[in-house]
Protein backbone atom coordinates (compact mmCIF):
# COMPACT_ATOMS: atom_id res chain seq x y z
CA UNK A 1 -97.03 -24.43 -2.02
CA UNK A 2 -100.48 -23.89 -3.76
CA UNK A 3 -102.07 -22.32 -1.27
CA UNK A 4 -98.90 -19.18 -1.58
CA UNK A 5 -99.76 -19.14 -5.01
CA UNK A 6 -103.15 -17.61 -4.76
CA UNK A 7 -102.39 -15.60 -1.59
CA UNK A 8 -102.82 -12.18 -1.12
CA UNK A 9 -99.80 -11.06 -0.18
CA UNK A 10 -97.64 -13.14 -3.54
CA UNK A 11 -100.18 -11.34 -5.70
CA UNK A 12 -99.81 -7.94 -4.20
CA UNK A 13 -95.69 -8.47 -4.67
CA UNK A 14 -96.78 -9.73 -8.04
CA UNK A 15 -98.56 -5.52 -8.71
CA UNK A 16 -95.24 -4.30 -7.36
CA UNK A 17 -92.94 -5.42 -9.74
CA UNK A 18 -95.09 -5.44 -12.23
CA UNK A 19 -95.15 -1.74 -11.62
CA UNK A 20 -91.97 -1.16 -11.15
CA UNK A 21 -91.14 -3.20 -14.65
CA UNK A 22 -93.67 -0.75 -15.91
CA UNK A 23 -91.30 2.66 -14.03
CA UNK A 24 -88.55 1.70 -15.36
CA UNK A 25 -89.35 0.87 -18.66
CA UNK A 26 -91.45 3.81 -19.14
CA UNK A 27 -88.27 5.75 -17.74
CA UNK A 28 -86.05 4.56 -20.54
CA UNK A 29 -88.78 5.32 -23.16
CA UNK A 30 -88.56 9.52 -21.87
CA UNK A 31 -84.22 8.83 -22.18
CA UNK A 32 -84.62 7.44 -25.30
CA UNK A 33 -87.02 9.91 -27.08
CA UNK A 34 -84.92 13.33 -24.97
CA UNK A 35 -81.09 11.90 -26.29
CA UNK A 36 -81.57 9.67 -29.43
CA UNK A 37 -81.86 13.14 -31.74
CA UNK A 38 -78.42 14.38 -30.28
CA UNK A 39 -77.34 11.07 -31.41
CA UNK A 40 -78.35 10.74 -33.89
CA UNK A 41 -77.13 14.24 -35.44
CA UNK A 42 -74.18 13.94 -34.45
CA UNK A 43 -74.15 10.16 -36.73
CA UNK A 44 -75.18 12.60 -39.25
CA UNK A 45 -72.27 15.18 -38.95
CA UNK A 46 -69.79 12.36 -39.06
CA UNK A 47 -71.52 10.61 -42.33
CA UNK A 48 -69.52 10.84 -45.28
CA UNK A 49 -71.64 11.88 -47.45
CA UNK A 50 -72.55 15.28 -45.26
CA UNK A 51 -68.89 16.19 -44.78
CA UNK A 52 -68.28 16.12 -48.28
CA UNK A 53 -71.00 18.05 -48.67
CA UNK A 54 -69.90 20.31 -46.13
CA UNK A 55 -66.79 20.36 -48.04
CA UNK A 56 -67.98 21.02 -51.74
CA UNK A 57 -69.75 23.95 -50.15
CA UNK A 58 -67.30 25.25 -48.00
CA UNK A 59 -65.77 25.14 -51.31
CA UNK A 60 -67.92 28.16 -53.34
């Protein structure tokens, strides 16, 4: 078992797994940067303070 853990094949597999995990995390971060502003804007539009301000400005 110790011999397998020290083998080059095992280290190569760990490198590939690390590359895949890193790629998935990077893709998730980019997706969050692209989608988060739209989600936050939608939440802000439905906020009671924003709705009251729109109602007040519409009455003027």
